[in-house]
C-alpha atoms as a PDB file:
ATOM      1  CA  MET A   1     -25.773 179.542 -50.433  1.00  0.00           C
ATOM      2  CA  ASN A   2     -23.088 177.227 -49.115  1.00  0.00           C
ATOM      3  CA  LEU A   3     -23.908 173.625 -49.966  1.00  0.00           C
ATOM      4  CA  SER A   4     -23.108 172.294 -46.487  1.00  0.00           C
ATOM      5  CA  ILE A   5     -25.405 174.863 -44.888  1.00  0.00           C
ATOM      6  CA  GLN A   6     -28.152 173.964 -47.334  1.00  0.00           C
ATOM      7  CA  GLU A   7     -27.796 170.283 -46.468  1.00  0.00           C
ATOM      8  CA  GLU A   8     -28.112 171.105 -42.768  1.00  0.00           C
ATOM      9  CA  LEU A   9     -31.209 173.238 -43.284  1.00  0.00           C
ATOM     10  CA  GLN A  10     -32.966 170.826 -45.641  1.00  0.00           C
ATOM     11  CA  PRO A  11     -34.421 168.475 -42.947  1.00  0.00           C
ATOM     12  CA  PHE A  12     -35.397 171.473 -40.818  1.00  0.00           C
ATOM     13  CA  ALA A  13     -37.139 173.164 -43.740  1.00  0.00           C
ATOM     14  CA  GLU A  14     -39.070 169.998 -44.592  1.00  0.00           C
ATOM     15  CA  GLU A  15     -40.162 169.533 -40.975  1.00  0.00           C
ATOM     16  CA  LEU A  16     -41.186 173.179 -40.743  1.00  0.00           C
ATOM     17  CA  GLN A  17     -43.140 172.967 -43.995  1.00  0.00           C
ATOM     18  CA  ARG A  18     -44.861 169.771 -42.857  1.00  0.00           C
ATOM     19  CA  TYR A  19     -46.021 171.552 -39.690  1.00  0.00           C
ATOM     20  CA  ILE A  20     -46.993 174.887 -41.247  1.00  0.00           C
ATOM     21  CA  THR A  21     -48.755 173.712 -44.408  1.00  0.00           C
ATOM     22  CA  PRO A  22     -51.826 172.049 -42.765  1.00  0.00           C
ATOM     23  CA  GLU A  23     -52.119 175.002 -40.386  1.00  0.00           C
ATOM     24  CA  PHE A  24     -51.970 177.470 -43.272  1.00  0.00           C
ATOM     25  CA  PHE A  25     -54.403 175.613 -45.520  1.00  0.00           C
ATOM     26  CA  GLY A  26     -56.809 174.942 -42.653  1.00  0.00           C
ATOM     27  CA  ARG A  27     -56.887 178.623 -41.812  1.00  0.00           C
ATOM     28  CA  SER A  28     -57.330 179.699 -45.442  1.00  0.00           C
ATOM     29  CA  TRP A  29     -60.180 177.218 -45.964  1.00  0.00           C
ATOM     30  CA  GLN A  30     -62.005 178.467 -42.855  1.00  0.00           C
ATOM     31  CA  GLU A  31     -61.810 182.079 -44.052  1.00  0.00           C
ATOM     32  CA  ARG A  32     -63.553 181.268 -47.336  1.00  0.00           C
END
């Protein structure tokens, strides 16, 4: 991957992960 593209996507990926992770874990814990 191009380094400049990776640098642009890094903040977006972190923000996306921060939003998805609690949603994902909360859903997985409820299913147990």
